[in-house]
Amino acid sequence: MTSLQTFGIVIVAYMLAHGLTAWLITPVQALLLPDVTAFASLVYLPHGVRVLATWLLGPVAFVPLALGAFLSELMFTPPEVSQATDPVILLSIVAGAAASPLAFEMMRGFGFNLYARQPRRGSWKWLLLVGSIASITNSLAQSTIFSQSILPGESVTVLAIYAIGDLIGLVITTLLLMMVFRRMRLSAARRS
């Protein structure tokens, strides 16, 4: 598979995850937390795509993640809510796409190279740890980027929902992929 094909898969996966979040999760959350929903999702599936894409591709995952986030903004965010070319939205896209590569590089700086193609086999626990670090990084960055738009009493809530939503999205995405890969292995074993 070429790099361009891999990038395309990441972009499409990001857009699918973002679409599911926008069409299924956001409407329900808007009923429960209307002041926070414009900024953060309690279940943000694209974070799982960010972490898994970075795990597989390394820091270069930033490129398809940023493209997927930009295209998702164009497709799923109504123009009256925001414009994908708004500098604040562009900064948000860059921060979100950079969070996971930064977390993986931070872990590598501490001596834990967690990328997929490393000699020692990775564990889902390590992915959750690095995903947690990426979530915290993203939460702090997004809360700062949108600080002028967030109601003063809601800033801590928005920060917490960013972090929780990213982690839940990572867990759900990881579990779904584990089930898909397991089903693929079982199907392949039955055929042979």
Protein backbone atom coordinates (compact mmCIF):
# COMPACT_ATOMS: atom_id res chain seq x y z
CA MET A 1 0.00 0.00 0.00
CA THR A 2 1.41 3.41 -0.94
CA SER A 3 1.67 6.37 1.41
CA LEU A 4 -0.99 8.18 -0.59
CA GLN A 5 -3.42 5.27 -0.15
CA THR A 6 -2.66 5.09 3.57
CA PHE A 7 -3.21 8.83 3.90
CA GLY A 8 -6.53 8.41 2.07
CA ILE A 9 -7.63 5.67 4.46
CA VAL A 10 -6.80 7.86 7.48
CA ILE A 11 -8.66 10.83 5.98
CA VAL A 12 -11.76 8.72 5.24
CA ALA A 13 -11.63 7.05 8.68
CA TYR A 14 -11.38 10.45 10.34
CA MET A 15 -14.29 11.80 8.31
CA LEU A 16 -16.45 8.74 9.09
CA ALA A 17 -15.67 9.01 12.80
CA HIS A 18 -16.38 12.75 12.75
CA GLY A 19 -19.64 12.19 10.85
CA LEU A 20 -20.83 9.58 13.35
CA THR A 21 -19.98 11.96 16.17
CA ALA A 22 -21.73 14.90 14.48
CA TRP A 23 -24.87 13.02 13.44
CA LEU A 24 -25.38 10.62 16.34
CA ILE A 25 -23.63 11.84 19.46
CA THR A 26 -23.83 15.63 19.17
CA PRO A 27 -27.67 15.83 18.87
CA VAL A 28 -28.13 13.77 22.04
CA GLN A 29 -25.46 15.68 23.91
CA ALA A 30 -26.98 19.02 22.83
CA LEU A 31 -30.13 18.09 24.74
CA LEU A 32 -28.15 17.40 27.92
CA LEU A 33 -25.34 20.00 27.77
CA PRO A 34 -26.27 22.74 25.28
CA ASP A 35 -23.67 25.31 26.48
CA VAL A 36 -20.77 22.85 26.13
CA THR A 37 -21.77 20.91 23.02
CA ALA A 38 -20.56 23.62 20.61
CA PHE A 39 -17.02 23.09 21.88
CA ALA A 40 -16.57 19.46 22.94
CA SER A 41 -18.11 16.03 22.56
CA LEU A 42 -18.56 13.49 25.34
CA VAL A 43 -17.70 10.75 22.83
CA TYR A 44 -15.26 12.04 20.21
CA LEU A 45 -14.52 9.10 17.91
CA PRO A 46 -11.92 10.93 15.75
CA HIS A 47 -9.53 10.90 18.72
CA GLY A 48 -9.29 7.13 18.35
CA VAL A 49 -8.43 7.63 14.68
CA ARG A 50 -5.76 10.18 15.67
CA VAL A 51 -4.08 7.83 18.13
CA LEU A 52 -4.27 4.71 15.95
CA ALA A 53 -3.12 6.57 12.83
CA THR A 54 -0.15 8.00 14.71
CA TRP A 55 0.66 4.60 16.16
CA LEU A 56 0.74 3.12 12.65
CA LEU A 57 2.24 6.01 10.65
CA GLY A 58 4.34 7.93 13.13
CA PRO A 59 4.52 11.73 13.24
CA VAL A 60 3.65 11.99 9.53
CA ALA A 61 0.08 11.08 10.57
CA PHE A 62 -0.32 14.79 11.29
CA VAL A 63 -0.85 15.45 7.56
CA PRO A 64 -3.83 13.15 6.87
CA LEU A 65 -5.29 13.91 10.31
CA ALA A 66 -5.24 17.65 9.61
CA LEU A 67 -6.72 17.10 6.14
CA GLY A 68 -9.41 14.80 7.53
CA ALA A 69 -10.30 17.34 10.23
CA PHE A 70 -10.45 20.19 7.70
CA LEU A 71 -12.66 18.20 5.31
CA SER A 72 -14.85 17.13 8.25
CA GLU A 73 -15.32 20.79 9.22
CA LEU A 74 -16.38 21.56 5.66
CA MET A 75 -18.80 18.63 5.49
CA PHE A 76 -20.32 18.38 8.95
CA THR A 77 -20.27 21.84 10.52
CA PRO A 78 -23.08 24.12 9.42
CA PRO A 79 -21.75 27.41 8.00
CA GLU A 80 -23.77 29.41 10.54
CA VAL A 81 -21.85 27.65 13.35
CA SER A 82 -18.34 28.11 11.96
CA GLN A 83 -16.31 28.36 8.78
CA ALA A 84 -13.51 25.86 8.19
CA THR A 85 -11.24 28.69 7.03
CA ASP A 86 -11.76 30.77 10.17
CA PRO A 87 -8.31 31.21 11.80
CA VAL A 88 -9.60 29.91 15.15
CA ILE A 89 -10.96 26.76 13.49
CA LEU A 90 -7.73 26.26 11.53
CA LEU A 91 -5.74 26.59 14.77
CA SER A 92 -8.09 24.10 16.41
CA ILE A 93 -7.56 21.65 13.53
CA VAL A 94 -3.77 21.96 13.81
CA ALA A 95 -3.88 21.47 17.59
CA GLY A 96 -6.10 18.40 17.31
CA ALA A 97 -3.99 16.82 14.56
CA ALA A 98 -0.76 17.53 16.47
CA ALA A 99 -1.88 16.23 19.87
CA SER A 100 -1.33 12.54 19.19
CA PRO A 101 2.03 12.86 17.38
CA LEU A 102 3.21 15.12 20.23
CA ALA A 103 2.13 12.54 22.83
CA PHE A 104 3.92 9.70 21.01
CA GLU A 105 7.06 11.82 20.67
CA MET A 106 6.89 12.79 24.34
CA MET A 107 6.76 9.11 25.29
CA ARG A 108 9.65 8.40 22.92
CA GLY A 109 11.60 11.19 24.64
CA PHE A 110 11.10 9.31 27.91
CA GLY A 111 12.43 6.12 26.33
CA PHE A 112 9.14 4.48 25.32
CA ASN A 113 8.95 4.20 21.55
CA LEU A 114 5.33 3.10 21.14
CA TYR A 115 5.01 3.23 17.36
CA ALA A 116 3.65 0.06 15.74
CA ARG A 117 6.77 -0.98 13.85
CA GLN A 118 9.01 -1.22 16.90
CA PRO A 119 10.73 -4.48 17.89
CA ARG A 120 8.77 -4.94 21.09
CA ARG A 121 5.11 -5.58 20.64
CA GLY A 122 2.78 -2.76 21.63
CA SER A 123 -0.05 -3.18 24.03
CA TRP A 124 -3.48 -1.58 24.05
CA LYS A 125 -2.66 -0.30 27.56
CA TRP A 126 0.22 1.71 26.14
CA LEU A 127 -2.10 3.06 23.43
CA LEU A 128 -4.57 4.15 26.09
CA LEU A 129 -1.79 5.84 28.04
CA VAL A 130 -0.43 7.74 25.06
CA GLY A 131 -4.02 8.48 24.00
CA SER A 132 -4.65 9.93 27.46
CA ILE A 133 -1.62 12.17 27.14
CA ALA A 134 -2.81 13.25 23.68
CA SER A 135 -6.27 13.88 25.10
CA ILE A 136 -4.95 16.11 27.88
CA THR A 137 -2.73 17.97 25.40
CA ASN A 138 -5.66 18.44 23.02
CA SER A 139 -8.00 19.49 25.85
CA LEU A 140 -5.64 22.18 27.07
CA ALA A 141 -4.98 23.45 23.55
CA GLN A 142 -8.65 23.51 22.51
CA SER A 143 -9.75 25.18 25.74
CA THR A 144 -7.13 27.86 25.18
CA ILE A 145 -8.02 28.31 21.51
CA PHE A 146 -11.74 28.70 22.24
CA SER A 147 -11.31 30.56 25.55
CA GLN A 148 -12.79 33.78 24.12
CA SER A 149 -15.99 31.94 23.12
CA ILE A 150 -16.50 29.78 26.21
CA LEU A 151 -18.68 31.18 28.98
CA PRO A 152 -16.48 31.94 32.02
CA GLY A 153 -18.27 29.45 34.28
CA GLU A 154 -18.05 26.68 31.67
CA SER A 155 -14.28 26.61 31.02
CA VAL A 156 -13.47 23.80 33.45
CA THR A 157 -16.47 21.80 32.23
CA VAL A 158 -15.40 22.22 28.59
CA LEU A 159 -11.82 21.17 29.45
CA ALA A 160 -13.10 18.07 31.26
CA ILE A 161 -15.49 17.14 28.45
CA TYR A 162 -12.71 17.46 25.86
CA ALA A 163 -10.54 15.08 27.88
CA ILE A 164 -13.33 12.62 28.69
CA GLY A 165 -14.73 12.69 25.15
CA ASP A 166 -11.34 12.02 23.60
CA LEU A 167 -10.69 9.09 25.94
CA ILE A 168 -14.12 7.54 25.45
CA GLY A 169 -13.74 7.98 21.69
CA LEU A 170 -10.34 6.27 21.82
CA VAL A 171 -11.67 3.35 23.87
CA ILE A 172 -14.69 2.83 21.60
CA THR A 173 -12.62 3.10 18.40
CA THR A 174 -9.98 0.72 19.77
CA LEU A 175 -12.58 -1.84 20.87
CA LEU A 176 -14.36 -1.68 17.51
CA LEU A 177 -11.11 -2.17 15.61
CA MET A 178 -10.06 -5.03 17.90
CA MET A 179 -13.38 -6.75 17.17
CA VAL A 180 -12.99 -6.17 13.41
CA PHE A 181 -9.43 -7.53 13.40
CA ARG A 182 -10.45 -10.52 15.50
CA ARG A 183 -13.30 -11.29 13.11
CA MET A 184 -10.87 -11.01 10.17
CA ARG A 185 -8.40 -13.40 11.85
CA LEU A 186 -11.16 -15.91 12.61
CA SER A 187 -12.47 -15.73 9.03
CA ALA A 188 -8.97 -16.24 7.65
CA ALA A 189 -8.39 -19.21 9.96
CA ARG A 190 -11.64 -20.84 8.86
CA ARG A 191 -10.72 -20.49 5.19
CA SER A 192 -7.34 -22.14 5.60
